[in-house]
Amino acid sequence: MICARYLLACFILFCFINISFAQQGDEWTLDFRRCYVAKPFDSGRVIFASGVDEGTVLFDVQWSDGQTLKDYPANPPILDIDGALVPLKGPPKDFYAYDVGTLQLALKRLSQGKHLYFNLGDLPERTVNIEMGDGKRAAEFLEMCAHYWPRFRALRDRFEAAQKSGNSTEAKRLRAKINSQVKSADTLVQDWTNKSRQKK
């Protein structure tokens, strides 16, 4: 019970680590806790999220009417960034539909991309055609949280293992490290925010 309550408290703290930036009307929403960046369009948003455990990046489209890519498994998706097709590994998953490659490759596309086009074959109402805005800054943010979360999860798993084994001394030590990690996350995001503002 103590373990569950403690981890829940950490989770609640991370709920508040959520920032966004806007430049000349092109806005990316940045979410550190969920480790994603999202670009809005008229009827929804596109999402690039870190597949933290796998070292990959995931892609999804979420429409304002509640539809997502997993609702169209029979429609072949096409994602194009600056005239180059981006391979989408499927079938679509329930949570962030498609794998778009390794972290390094996907971040390069996001950072350098200017225009994003997406469609689902014969469904023109599900076409996305947008300028990507400041994708470089979005890529830098995604990389930051993608490097943070594997370390935090490894620490959490060790803490849970110590709790289950009854090793209270180790559990106490690891809980202190988790507290430090939580505080460092807030500092990490604030430092990134300040640096990104200075680059504008």
C-alpha atoms as a PDB file:
ATOM      1  CA  MET A   1       0.000   0.000   0.000  1.00  0.00           C
ATOM      2  CA  ILE A   2       2.826   2.399   0.891  1.00  0.00           C
ATOM      3  CA  CYS A   3       4.534   1.637  -2.416  1.00  0.00           C
ATOM      4  CA  ALA A   4       1.370   2.263  -4.429  1.00  0.00           C
ATOM      5  CA  ARG A   5       0.589   5.512  -2.628  1.00  0.00           C
ATOM      6  CA  TYR A   6       4.145   6.746  -3.035  1.00  0.00           C
ATOM      7  CA  LEU A   7       4.279   6.045  -6.756  1.00  0.00           C
ATOM      8  CA  LEU A   8       0.861   7.650  -7.175  1.00  0.00           C
ATOM      9  CA  ALA A   9       2.198  10.782  -5.493  1.00  0.00           C
ATOM     10  CA  CYS A  10       5.110  10.851  -7.955  1.00  0.00           C
ATOM     11  CA  PHE A  11       2.661  10.404 -10.820  1.00  0.00           C
ATOM     12  CA  ILE A  12       0.551  13.345  -9.640  1.00  0.00           C
ATOM     13  CA  LEU A  13       3.639  15.539  -9.471  1.00  0.00           C
ATOM     14  CA  PHE A  14       4.456  14.711 -13.075  1.00  0.00           C
ATOM     15  CA  CYS A  15       0.951  15.729 -14.149  1.00  0.00           C
ATOM     16  CA  PHE A  16       2.029  19.318 -13.674  1.00  0.00           C
ATOM     17  CA  ILE A  17       5.127  19.037 -15.888  1.00  0.00           C
ATOM     18  CA  ASN A  18       3.426  19.971 -19.139  1.00  0.00           C
ATOM     19  CA  ILE A  19       4.522  22.955 -21.212  1.00  0.00           C
ATOM     20  CA  SER A  20       3.823  24.398 -24.627  1.00  0.00           C
ATOM     21  CA  PHE A  21       5.311  27.034 -26.864  1.00  0.00           C
ATOM     22  CA  ALA A  22       3.983  29.116 -29.712  1.00  0.00           C
ATOM     23  CA  GLN A  23       5.730  30.977 -32.495  1.00  0.00           C
ATOM     24  CA  GLN A  24       4.014  32.948 -35.250  1.00  0.00           C
ATOM     25  CA  GLY A  25       0.781  30.989 -34.837  1.00  0.00           C
ATOM     26  CA  ASP A  26       2.442  27.574 -35.191  1.00  0.00           C
ATOM     27  CA  GLU A  27       2.027  25.825 -31.888  1.00  0.00           C
ATOM     28  CA  TRP A  28       3.385  22.525 -30.629  1.00  0.00           C
ATOM     29  CA  THR A  29       2.033  21.115 -27.401  1.00  0.00           C
ATOM     30  CA  LEU A  30       4.766  19.449 -25.354  1.00  0.00           C
ATOM     31  CA  ASP A  31       3.976  16.910 -22.656  1.00  0.00           C
ATOM     32  CA  PHE A  32       6.875  15.676 -20.538  1.00  0.00           C
ATOM     33  CA  ARG A  33       4.994  13.128 -18.447  1.00  0.00           C
ATOM     34  CA  ARG A  34       3.508  11.381 -21.491  1.00  0.00           C
ATOM     35  CA  CYS A  35       6.615  12.134 -23.544  1.00  0.00           C
ATOM     36  CA  TYR A  36       4.921  13.426 -26.681  1.00  0.00           C
ATOM     37  CA  VAL A  37       4.719  16.473 -28.927  1.00  0.00           C
ATOM     38  CA  ALA A  38       1.497  17.351 -30.730  1.00  0.00           C
ATOM     39  CA  LYS A  39       0.768  19.690 -33.660  1.00  0.00           C
ATOM     40  CA  PRO A  40      -2.834  20.850 -34.020  1.00  0.00           C
ATOM     41  CA  PHE A  41      -4.731  21.193 -37.280  1.00  0.00           C
ATOM     42  CA  ASP A  42      -8.301  22.307 -38.032  1.00  0.00           C
ATOM     43  CA  SER A  43     -10.015  19.072 -36.961  1.00  0.00           C
ATOM     44  CA  GLY A  44      -7.549  17.442 -34.603  1.00  0.00           C
ATOM     45  CA  ARG A  45      -3.862  16.951 -33.942  1.00  0.00           C
ATOM     46  CA  VAL A  46      -0.905  14.840 -35.013  1.00  0.00           C
ATOM     47  CA  ILE A  47       1.277  13.297 -32.323  1.00  0.00           C
ATOM     48  CA  PHE A  48       4.868  12.114 -32.188  1.00  0.00           C
ATOM     49  CA  ALA A  49       5.540  10.195 -28.982  1.00  0.00           C
ATOM     50  CA  SER A  50       8.557   8.440 -27.603  1.00  0.00           C
ATOM     51  CA  GLY A  51       8.271   4.682 -27.362  1.00  0.00           C
ATOM     52  CA  VAL A  52      10.491   5.025 -24.305  1.00  0.00           C
ATOM     53  CA  ASP A  53      11.192   1.354 -23.630  1.00  0.00           C
ATOM     54  CA  GLU A  54      11.848   0.469 -27.264  1.00  0.00           C
ATOM     55  CA  GLY A  55      13.919   3.519 -28.257  1.00  0.00           C
ATOM     56  CA  THR A  56      11.503   4.303 -31.062  1.00  0.00           C
ATOM     57  CA  VAL A  57       9.066   7.087 -31.955  1.00  0.00           C
ATOM     58  CA  LEU A  58       5.351   6.549 -32.459  1.00  0.00           C
ATOM     59  CA  PHE A  59       2.941   8.524 -34.645  1.00  0.00           C
ATOM     60  CA  ASP A  60      -0.788   9.060 -34.336  1.00  0.00           C
ATOM     61  CA  VAL A  61      -3.570  11.296 -35.598  1.00  0.00           C
ATOM     62  CA  GLN A  62      -6.358  12.163 -33.183  1.00  0.00           C
ATOM     63  CA  TRP A  63      -9.417  13.903 -34.619  1.00  0.00           C
ATOM     64  CA  SER A  64     -11.654  16.224 -32.629  1.00  0.00           C
ATOM     65  CA  ASP A  65     -14.648  13.924 -33.242  1.00  0.00           C
ATOM     66  CA  GLY A  66     -12.924  11.203 -31.216  1.00  0.00           C
ATOM     67  CA  GLN A  67     -11.658   9.122 -34.137  1.00  0.00           C
ATOM     68  CA  THR A  68      -8.074   7.805 -34.185  1.00  0.00           C
ATOM     69  CA  LEU A  69      -6.042   5.712 -36.586  1.00  0.00           C
ATOM     70  CA  LYS A  70      -6.924   2.490 -34.787  1.00  0.00           C
ATOM     71  CA  ASP A  71     -10.485   3.079 -35.989  1.00  0.00           C
ATOM     72  CA  TYR A  72      -9.330   2.611 -39.617  1.00  0.00           C
ATOM     73  CA  PRO A  73      -7.296  -0.628 -39.684  1.00  0.00           C
ATOM     74  CA  ALA A  74      -8.393  -1.451 -43.236  1.00  0.00           C
ATOM     75  CA  ASN A  75      -7.316   1.885 -44.735  1.00  0.00           C
ATOM     76  CA  PRO A  76      -3.648   2.027 -45.764  1.00  0.00           C
ATOM     77  CA  PRO A  77      -2.083   5.145 -44.187  1.00  0.00           C
ATOM     78  CA  ILE A  78       0.387   7.399 -45.985  1.00  0.00           C
ATOM     79  CA  LEU A  79       2.675   9.770 -44.093  1.00  0.00           C
ATOM     80  CA  ASP A  80       4.772  12.158 -46.137  1.00  0.00           C
ATOM     81  CA  ILE A  81       7.227  14.717 -44.769  1.00  0.00           C
ATOM     82  CA  ASP A  82       8.676  17.136 -47.318  1.00  0.00           C
ATOM     83  CA  GLY A  83       7.856  14.804 -50.216  1.00  0.00           C
ATOM     84  CA  ALA A  84       9.473  11.736 -48.639  1.00  0.00           C
ATOM     85  CA  LEU A  85       7.338   8.808 -47.539  1.00  0.00           C
ATOM     86  CA  VAL A  86       7.783   7.822 -43.898  1.00  0.00           C
ATOM     87  CA  PRO A  87       7.376   4.067 -43.292  1.00  0.00           C
ATOM     88  CA  LEU A  88       4.612   3.282 -40.814  1.00  0.00           C
ATOM     89  CA  LYS A  89       4.920  -0.014 -38.993  1.00  0.00           C
ATOM     90  CA  GLY A  90       1.526  -1.478 -38.152  1.00  0.00           C
ATOM     91  CA  PRO A  91      -1.088  -2.708 -37.616  1.00  0.00           C
ATOM     92  CA  PRO A  92      -2.270   0.366 -35.672  1.00  0.00           C
ATOM     93  CA  LYS A  93      -1.983   0.042 -31.908  1.00  0.00           C
ATOM     94  CA  ASP A  94      -4.518   1.263 -29.369  1.00  0.00           C
ATOM     95  CA  PHE A  95      -2.128   3.823 -27.910  1.00  0.00           C
ATOM     96  CA  TYR A  96      -0.233   5.874 -30.525  1.00  0.00           C
ATOM     97  CA  ALA A  97      -0.904   3.940 -33.667  1.00  0.00           C
ATOM     98  CA  TYR A  98       2.275   3.530 -35.732  1.00  0.00           C
ATOM     99  CA  ASP A  99       5.994   3.094 -35.224  1.00  0.00           C
ATOM    100  CA  VAL A 100       7.909   5.565 -37.428  1.00  0.00           C
ATOM    101  CA  GLY A 101      11.429   4.359 -36.706  1.00  0.00           C
ATOM    102  CA  THR A 102      14.283   4.713 -34.278  1.00  0.00           C
ATOM    103  CA  LEU A 103      14.522   7.718 -32.019  1.00  0.00           C
ATOM    104  CA  GLN A 104      17.493   9.118 -33.938  1.00  0.00           C
ATOM    105  CA  LEU A 105      15.886   8.759 -37.369  1.00  0.00           C
ATOM    106  CA  ALA A 106      12.448  10.013 -36.336  1.00  0.00           C
ATOM    107  CA  LEU A 107      13.858  13.020 -34.501  1.00  0.00           C
ATOM    108  CA  LYS A 108      15.866  13.959 -37.592  1.00  0.00           C
ATOM    109  CA  ARG A 109      12.693  13.921 -39.705  1.00  0.00           C
ATOM    110  CA  LEU A 110      10.795  15.932 -37.135  1.00  0.00           C
ATOM    111  CA  SER A 111      13.611  18.438 -36.676  1.00  0.00           C
ATOM    112  CA  GLN A 112      14.236  19.082 -40.360  1.00  0.00           C
ATOM    113  CA  GLY A 113      10.674  18.688 -41.665  1.00  0.00           C
ATOM    114  CA  LYS A 114       8.743  21.650 -43.049  1.00  0.00           C
ATOM    115  CA  HIS A 115       5.523  20.123 -44.368  1.00  0.00           C
ATOM    116  CA  LEU A 116       3.516  17.082 -43.251  1.00  0.00           C
ATOM    117  CA  TYR A 117       0.924  15.289 -45.358  1.00  0.00           C
ATOM    118  CA  PHE A 118      -1.129  12.312 -44.222  1.00  0.00           C
ATOM    119  CA  ASN A 119      -4.068  10.445 -45.698  1.00  0.00           C
ATOM    120  CA  LEU A 120      -6.075   7.248 -45.382  1.00  0.00           C
ATOM    121  CA  GLY A 121      -6.660   6.374 -49.028  1.00  0.00           C
ATOM    122  CA  ASP A 122     -10.271   7.025 -50.032  1.00  0.00           C
ATOM    123  CA  LEU A 123     -11.141   9.055 -46.930  1.00  0.00           C
ATOM    124  CA  PRO A 124     -10.459  12.697 -47.850  1.00  0.00           C
ATOM    125  CA  GLU A 125     -12.093  13.882 -44.623  1.00  0.00           C
ATOM    126  CA  ARG A 126      -9.208  12.225 -42.773  1.00  0.00           C
ATOM    127  CA  THR A 127      -6.468  13.977 -44.741  1.00  0.00           C
ATOM    128  CA  VAL A 128      -3.947  16.117 -42.853  1.00  0.00           C
ATOM    129  CA  ASN A 129      -1.972  18.766 -44.737  1.00  0.00           C
ATOM    130  CA  ILE A 130      -0.027  21.112 -42.445  1.00  0.00           C
ATOM    131  CA  GLU A 131       3.113  23.171 -42.058  1.00  0.00           C
ATOM    132  CA  MET A 132       5.229  21.723 -39.271  1.00  0.00           C
ATOM    133  CA  GLY A 133       6.408  24.992 -37.782  1.00  0.00           C
ATOM    134  CA  ASP A 134       9.292  24.759 -35.352  1.00  0.00           C
ATOM    135  CA  GLY A 135       9.809  21.010 -35.522  1.00  0.00           C
ATOM    136  CA  LYS A 136      13.392  21.368 -34.365  1.00  0.00           C
ATOM    137  CA  ARG A 137      12.322  22.585 -30.957  1.00  0.00           C
ATOM    138  CA  ALA A 138       9.700  19.867 -30.711  1.00  0.00           C
ATOM    139  CA  ALA A 139      12.341  17.256 -31.572  1.00  0.00           C
ATOM    140  CA  GLU A 140      14.709  18.582 -28.916  1.00  0.00           C
ATOM    141  CA  PHE A 141      11.970  18.344 -26.302  1.00  0.00           C
ATOM    142  CA  LEU A 142      11.026  14.807 -27.311  1.00  0.00           C
ATOM    143  CA  GLU A 143      14.655  13.723 -27.151  1.00  0.00           C
ATOM    144  CA  MET A 144      15.017  15.200 -23.672  1.00  0.00           C
ATOM    145  CA  CYS A 145      12.122  13.291 -22.138  1.00  0.00           C
ATOM    146  CA  ALA A 146      12.963  10.123 -24.101  1.00  0.00           C
ATOM    147  CA  HIS A 147      16.337  10.006 -22.363  1.00  0.00           C
ATOM    148  CA  TYR A 148      14.870  10.762 -18.938  1.00  0.00           C
ATOM    149  CA  TRP A 149      12.099   8.173 -18.634  1.00  0.00           C
ATOM    150  CA  PRO A 150      14.074   4.905 -19.048  1.00  0.00           C
ATOM    151  CA  ARG A 151      16.243   5.892 -16.080  1.00  0.00           C
ATOM    152  CA  PHE A 152      13.214   6.773 -13.976  1.00  0.00           C
ATOM    153  CA  ARG A 153      11.405   3.536 -14.824  1.00  0.00           C
ATOM    154  CA  ALA A 154      14.473   1.452 -14.031  1.00  0.00           C
ATOM    155  CA  LEU A 155      14.686   3.157 -10.637  1.00  0.00           C
ATOM    156  CA  ARG A 156      10.979   2.612 -10.019  1.00  0.00           C
ATOM    157  CA  ASP A 157      11.281  -1.094 -10.843  1.00  0.00           C
ATOM    158  CA  ARG A 158      14.192  -1.484  -8.424  1.00  0.00           C
ATOM    159  CA  PHE A 159      12.205   0.292  -5.711  1.00  0.00           C
ATOM    160  CA  GLU A 160       9.207  -1.999  -6.213  1.00  0.00           C
ATOM    161  CA  ALA A 161      11.454  -5.062  -6.131  1.00  0.00           C
ATOM    162  CA  ALA A 162      13.015  -3.919  -2.851  1.00  0.00           C
ATOM    163  CA  GLN A 163       9.559  -3.361  -1.354  1.00  0.00           C
ATOM    164  CA  LYS A 164       8.387  -6.819  -2.376  1.00  0.00           C
ATOM    165  CA  SER A 165      11.508  -8.499  -0.990  1.00  0.00           C
ATOM    166  CA  GLY A 166      11.153  -6.725   2.344  1.00  0.00           C
ATOM    167  CA  ASN A 167      14.472  -4.909   2.005  1.00  0.00           C
ATOM    168  CA  SER A 168      13.394  -1.732   3.772  1.00  0.00           C
ATOM    169  CA  THR A 169      16.888  -0.214   3.818  1.00  0.00           C
ATOM    170  CA  GLU A 170      17.252  -0.494   0.036  1.00  0.00           C
ATOM    171  CA  ALA A 171      13.677   0.662  -0.511  1.00  0.00           C
ATOM    172  CA  LYS A 172      14.334   3.765   1.589  1.00  0.00           C
ATOM    173  CA  ARG A 173      17.507   4.531  -0.355  1.00  0.00           C
ATOM    174  CA  LEU A 174      15.730   4.112  -3.693  1.00  0.00           C
ATOM    175  CA  ARG A 175      12.780   6.211  -2.581  1.00  0.00           C
ATOM    176  CA  ALA A 176      15.209   9.047  -1.846  1.00  0.00           C
ATOM    177  CA  LYS A 177      16.635   8.653  -5.347  1.00  0.00           C
ATOM    178  CA  ILE A 178      13.130   8.747  -6.830  1.00  0.00           C
ATOM    179  CA  ASN A 179      12.458  11.986  -4.933  1.00  0.00           C
ATOM    180  CA  SER A 180      15.638  13.384  -6.416  1.00  0.00           C
ATOM    181  CA  GLN A 181      14.597  12.258  -9.893  1.00  0.00           C
ATOM    182  CA  VAL A 182      11.215  13.962  -9.533  1.00  0.00           C
ATOM    183  CA  LYS A 183      12.884  17.220  -8.551  1.00  0.00           C
ATOM    184  CA  SER A 184      15.440  16.910 -11.342  1.00  0.00           C
ATOM    185  CA  ALA A 185      12.643  16.498 -13.891  1.00  0.00           C
ATOM    186  CA  ASP A 186      11.145  19.843 -12.966  1.00  0.00           C
ATOM    187  CA  THR A 187      14.580  21.478 -13.170  1.00  0.00           C
ATOM    188  CA  LEU A 188      15.267  19.753 -16.487  1.00  0.00           C
ATOM    189  CA  VAL A 189      12.071  21.061 -18.053  1.00  0.00           C
ATOM    190  CA  GLN A 190      12.562  24.573 -16.690  1.00  0.00           C
ATOM    191  CA  ASP A 191      16.149  24.732 -17.964  1.00  0.00           C
ATOM    192  CA  TRP A 192      15.017  23.513 -21.381  1.00  0.00           C
ATOM    193  CA  THR A 193      12.212  26.095 -21.449  1.00  0.00           C
ATOM    194  CA  ASN A 194      14.578  28.940 -20.605  1.00  0.00           C
ATOM    195  CA  LYS A 195      17.121  27.859 -23.232  1.00  0.00           C
ATOM    196  CA  SER A 196      14.439  27.456 -25.909  1.00  0.00           C
ATOM    197  CA  ARG A 197      13.158  30.966 -25.222  1.00  0.00           C
ATOM    198  CA  GLN A 198      16.668  32.369 -25.564  1.00  0.00           C
ATOM    199  CA  LYS A 199      16.968  30.763 -29.013  1.00  0.00           C
ATOM    200  CA  LYS A 200      13.902  32.580 -30.346  1.00  0.00           C
END
